[in-house]
Amino acid sequence: MRNRKIFAGGLATLAAITLCVASVAVAAPAKDGDIRVAGTCTKVSSAKLKLSDEDGRIEVEFEIDQNRVGQRWAIVLRQNGAVVRQLTKVTRAPSGSFEVRLLARNAAGADRFVATATRPGETCRARASF
């Protein structure tokens, strides 16, 4: 009986280790140094902001996913408080989403980015520093 308890305990430990390894393997690979953050939205949409090094500049990618096609959003991207891009985007098929991409200058020190998207009745915002 004693051997069974040790064996059962060993199986439980092995199962726990396997789950930990499996969860690490499922994590999405990110380019070394990329900054990825999930934004917040006042309704059911989702927002993501990604910052990465691009030949000495900062590549900024801001995505809104609303799951509804044809929705018009006003977007403002700020770097260190200054507006670097202001535009309007419309969610497109098949996923009801859009993405804004730009290359920003890499100023001395930390660069703080705030991306804001608004439409009637909803606002999404994401913040990150690079």
C-alpha atoms as a PDB file:
ATOM      1  CA  MET A   1       0.000   0.000   0.000  1.00  0.00           C
ATOM      2  CA  ARG A   2       2.819   2.374   0.793  1.00  0.00           C
ATOM      3  CA  ASN A   3       4.233   2.028  -2.738  1.00  0.00           C
ATOM      4  CA  ARG A   4       0.898   3.010  -4.258  1.00  0.00           C
ATOM      5  CA  LYS A   5       0.775   6.275  -2.280  1.00  0.00           C
ATOM      6  CA  ILE A   6       4.258   7.225  -3.398  1.00  0.00           C
ATOM      7  CA  PHE A   7       3.436   6.282  -6.999  1.00  0.00           C
ATOM      8  CA  ALA A   8       0.154   8.222  -6.932  1.00  0.00           C
ATOM      9  CA  GLY A   9       1.949  11.235  -5.490  1.00  0.00           C
ATOM     10  CA  GLY A  10       4.578  10.913  -8.198  1.00  0.00           C
ATOM     11  CA  LEU A  11       1.867  10.895 -10.877  1.00  0.00           C
ATOM     12  CA  ALA A  12       0.284  14.016  -9.427  1.00  0.00           C
ATOM     13  CA  THR A  13       3.658  15.765  -9.437  1.00  0.00           C
ATOM     14  CA  LEU A  14       4.355  14.637 -12.992  1.00  0.00           C
ATOM     15  CA  ALA A  15       0.928  15.877 -14.097  1.00  0.00           C
ATOM     16  CA  ALA A  16       1.550  19.292 -12.491  1.00  0.00           C
ATOM     17  CA  ILE A  17       4.951  19.605 -14.172  1.00  0.00           C
ATOM     18  CA  THR A  18       3.458  18.604 -17.534  1.00  0.00           C
ATOM     19  CA  LEU A  19       0.750  21.282 -17.210  1.00  0.00           C
ATOM     20  CA  CYS A  20       3.340  23.946 -16.397  1.00  0.00           C
ATOM     21  CA  VAL A  21       5.507  22.994 -19.368  1.00  0.00           C
ATOM     22  CA  ALA A  22       2.480  22.853 -21.686  1.00  0.00           C
ATOM     23  CA  SER A  23       1.319  26.317 -20.618  1.00  0.00           C
ATOM     24  CA  VAL A  24       4.762  27.774 -21.302  1.00  0.00           C
ATOM     25  CA  ALA A  25       4.892  26.151 -24.745  1.00  0.00           C
ATOM     26  CA  VAL A  26       1.501  27.656 -25.681  1.00  0.00           C
ATOM     27  CA  ALA A  27       2.582  31.233 -24.912  1.00  0.00           C
ATOM     28  CA  ALA A  28       2.765  33.370 -28.053  1.00  0.00           C
ATOM     29  CA  PRO A  29       6.319  34.024 -29.169  1.00  0.00           C
ATOM     30  CA  ALA A  30       7.350  37.669 -29.062  1.00  0.00           C
ATOM     31  CA  LYS A  31      10.321  39.283 -30.699  1.00  0.00           C
ATOM     32  CA  ASP A  32      12.913  40.072 -28.051  1.00  0.00           C
ATOM     33  CA  GLY A  33      12.297  43.562 -26.690  1.00  0.00           C
ATOM     34  CA  ASP A  34       8.711  43.951 -27.953  1.00  0.00           C
ATOM     35  CA  ILE A  35       6.273  45.606 -25.572  1.00  0.00           C
ATOM     36  CA  ARG A  36       2.687  44.300 -25.799  1.00  0.00           C
ATOM     37  CA  VAL A  37      -0.180  45.581 -23.691  1.00  0.00           C
ATOM     38  CA  ALA A  38      -3.912  45.034 -23.628  1.00  0.00           C
ATOM     39  CA  GLY A  39      -5.899  48.224 -23.512  1.00  0.00           C
ATOM     40  CA  THR A  40      -9.214  48.942 -21.841  1.00  0.00           C
ATOM     41  CA  CYS A  41     -12.534  49.664 -23.525  1.00  0.00           C
ATOM     42  CA  THR A  42     -15.728  51.038 -22.026  1.00  0.00           C
ATOM     43  CA  LYS A  43     -17.839  48.398 -23.785  1.00  0.00           C
ATOM     44  CA  VAL A  44     -17.146  44.976 -25.343  1.00  0.00           C
ATOM     45  CA  SER A  45     -14.423  45.900 -27.853  1.00  0.00           C
ATOM     46  CA  SER A  46     -10.775  44.998 -27.217  1.00  0.00           C
ATOM     47  CA  ALA A  47      -7.637  47.073 -27.734  1.00  0.00           C
ATOM     48  CA  LYS A  48      -3.985  46.060 -28.092  1.00  0.00           C
ATOM     49  CA  LEU A  49      -0.840  48.156 -28.341  1.00  0.00           C
ATOM     50  CA  LYS A  50       2.535  46.816 -29.462  1.00  0.00           C
ATOM     51  CA  LEU A  51       5.822  48.729 -29.486  1.00  0.00           C
ATOM     52  CA  SER A  52       8.978  47.330 -31.073  1.00  0.00           C
ATOM     53  CA  ASP A  53      12.383  48.433 -32.305  1.00  0.00           C
ATOM     54  CA  GLU A  54      12.523  48.989 -36.063  1.00  0.00           C
ATOM     55  CA  ASP A  55      16.009  50.036 -37.212  1.00  0.00           C
ATOM     56  CA  GLY A  56      16.424  52.663 -34.479  1.00  0.00           C
ATOM     57  CA  ARG A  57      12.832  53.876 -34.659  1.00  0.00           C
ATOM     58  CA  ILE A  58       9.795  52.663 -32.716  1.00  0.00           C
ATOM     59  CA  GLU A  59       7.150  50.697 -34.585  1.00  0.00           C
ATOM     60  CA  VAL A  60       3.740  51.359 -33.040  1.00  0.00           C
ATOM     61  CA  GLU A  61       0.834  48.998 -33.745  1.00  0.00           C
ATOM     62  CA  PHE A  62      -2.599  49.749 -32.281  1.00  0.00           C
ATOM     63  CA  GLU A  63      -5.478  47.341 -32.887  1.00  0.00           C
ATOM     64  CA  ILE A  64      -9.181  47.533 -32.110  1.00  0.00           C
ATOM     65  CA  ASP A  65     -11.386  44.465 -32.425  1.00  0.00           C
ATOM     66  CA  GLN A  66     -15.099  45.083 -32.131  1.00  0.00           C
ATOM     67  CA  ASN A  67     -16.517  42.091 -34.041  1.00  0.00           C
ATOM     68  CA  ARG A  68     -18.782  44.450 -35.981  1.00  0.00           C
ATOM     69  CA  VAL A  69     -18.046  45.556 -39.535  1.00  0.00           C
ATOM     70  CA  GLY A  70     -18.534  49.175 -40.665  1.00  0.00           C
ATOM     71  CA  GLN A  71     -18.022  50.981 -37.344  1.00  0.00           C
ATOM     72  CA  ARG A  72     -16.177  54.333 -37.632  1.00  0.00           C
ATOM     73  CA  TRP A  73     -13.542  55.126 -34.972  1.00  0.00           C
ATOM     74  CA  ALA A  74     -11.492  58.290 -34.355  1.00  0.00           C
ATOM     75  CA  ILE A  75      -7.924  57.448 -33.332  1.00  0.00           C
ATOM     76  CA  VAL A  76      -5.318  59.610 -31.629  1.00  0.00           C
ATOM     77  CA  LEU A  77      -1.777  58.347 -31.001  1.00  0.00           C
ATOM     78  CA  ARG A  78       0.401  60.339 -28.627  1.00  0.00           C
ATOM     79  CA  GLN A  79       4.111  60.053 -27.898  1.00  0.00           C
ATOM     80  CA  ASN A  80       5.321  61.772 -24.733  1.00  0.00           C
ATOM     81  CA  GLY A  81       2.093  63.826 -24.700  1.00  0.00           C
ATOM     82  CA  ALA A  82       2.374  65.138 -28.282  1.00  0.00           C
ATOM     83  CA  VAL A  83      -0.021  63.954 -31.003  1.00  0.00           C
ATOM     84  CA  VAL A  84       1.921  61.948 -33.610  1.00  0.00           C
ATOM     85  CA  ARG A  85      -1.059  60.670 -35.605  1.00  0.00           C
ATOM     86  CA  GLN A  86      -4.769  61.482 -35.734  1.00  0.00           C
ATOM     87  CA  LEU A  87      -7.034  59.631 -38.151  1.00  0.00           C
ATOM     88  CA  THR A  88     -10.320  57.821 -38.686  1.00  0.00           C
ATOM     89  CA  LYS A  89     -10.606  54.078 -39.310  1.00  0.00           C
ATOM     90  CA  VAL A  90     -13.552  51.797 -40.065  1.00  0.00           C
ATOM     91  CA  THR A  91     -13.787  48.216 -38.837  1.00  0.00           C
ATOM     92  CA  ARG A  92     -13.516  45.779 -41.733  1.00  0.00           C
ATOM     93  CA  ALA A  93     -14.538  42.223 -42.577  1.00  0.00           C
ATOM     94  CA  PRO A  94     -14.074  39.467 -41.728  1.00  0.00           C
ATOM     95  CA  SER A  95     -13.255  40.186 -38.066  1.00  0.00           C
ATOM     96  CA  GLY A  96     -14.689  43.659 -37.479  1.00  0.00           C
ATOM     97  CA  SER A  97     -11.307  45.098 -36.570  1.00  0.00           C
ATOM     98  CA  PHE A  98      -8.650  47.539 -37.747  1.00  0.00           C
ATOM     99  CA  GLU A  99      -4.996  48.235 -37.094  1.00  0.00           C
ATOM    100  CA  VAL A 100      -2.994  51.455 -37.140  1.00  0.00           C
ATOM    101  CA  ARG A 101       0.764  51.201 -37.743  1.00  0.00           C
ATOM    102  CA  LEU A 102       3.395  53.910 -37.729  1.00  0.00           C
ATOM    103  CA  LEU A 103       7.108  54.454 -37.193  1.00  0.00           C
ATOM    104  CA  ALA A 104       7.927  57.003 -34.502  1.00  0.00           C
ATOM    105  CA  ARG A 105      11.244  58.610 -33.704  1.00  0.00           C
ATOM    106  CA  ASN A 106      13.077  57.141 -30.734  1.00  0.00           C
ATOM    107  CA  ALA A 107      13.657  60.091 -28.397  1.00  0.00           C
ATOM    108  CA  ALA A 108      16.254  60.021 -25.625  1.00  0.00           C
ATOM    109  CA  GLY A 109      15.019  58.172 -22.540  1.00  0.00           C
ATOM    110  CA  ALA A 110      11.707  56.375 -22.213  1.00  0.00           C
ATOM    111  CA  ASP A 111       9.050  57.077 -24.829  1.00  0.00           C
ATOM    112  CA  ARG A 112       5.480  56.968 -23.482  1.00  0.00           C
ATOM    113  CA  PHE A 113       2.725  56.122 -25.953  1.00  0.00           C
ATOM    114  CA  VAL A 114      -1.013  56.526 -25.419  1.00  0.00           C
ATOM    115  CA  ALA A 115      -3.388  55.261 -28.105  1.00  0.00           C
ATOM    116  CA  THR A 116      -7.044  56.277 -27.904  1.00  0.00           C
ATOM    117  CA  ALA A 117      -9.911  55.194 -30.159  1.00  0.00           C
ATOM    118  CA  THR A 118     -13.424  56.587 -29.782  1.00  0.00           C
ATOM    119  CA  ARG A 119     -16.782  56.061 -31.421  1.00  0.00           C
ATOM    120  CA  PRO A 120     -20.207  57.135 -30.210  1.00  0.00           C
ATOM    121  CA  GLY A 121     -20.771  55.402 -26.878  1.00  0.00           C
ATOM    122  CA  GLU A 122     -17.346  53.765 -26.545  1.00  0.00           C
ATOM    123  CA  THR A 123     -13.720  54.623 -25.872  1.00  0.00           C
ATOM    124  CA  CYS A 124     -10.665  52.350 -25.930  1.00  0.00           C
ATOM    125  CA  ARG A 125      -7.247  53.289 -24.578  1.00  0.00           C
ATOM    126  CA  ALA A 126      -3.873  51.579 -24.329  1.00  0.00           C
ATOM    127  CA  ARG A 127      -0.639  52.876 -22.776  1.00  0.00           C
ATOM    128  CA  ALA A 128       2.924  51.624 -22.937  1.00  0.00           C
ATOM    129  CA  SER A 129       6.489  52.872 -22.632  1.00  0.00           C
ATOM    130  CA  PHE A 130       9.452  51.858 -24.732  1.00  0.00           C
END
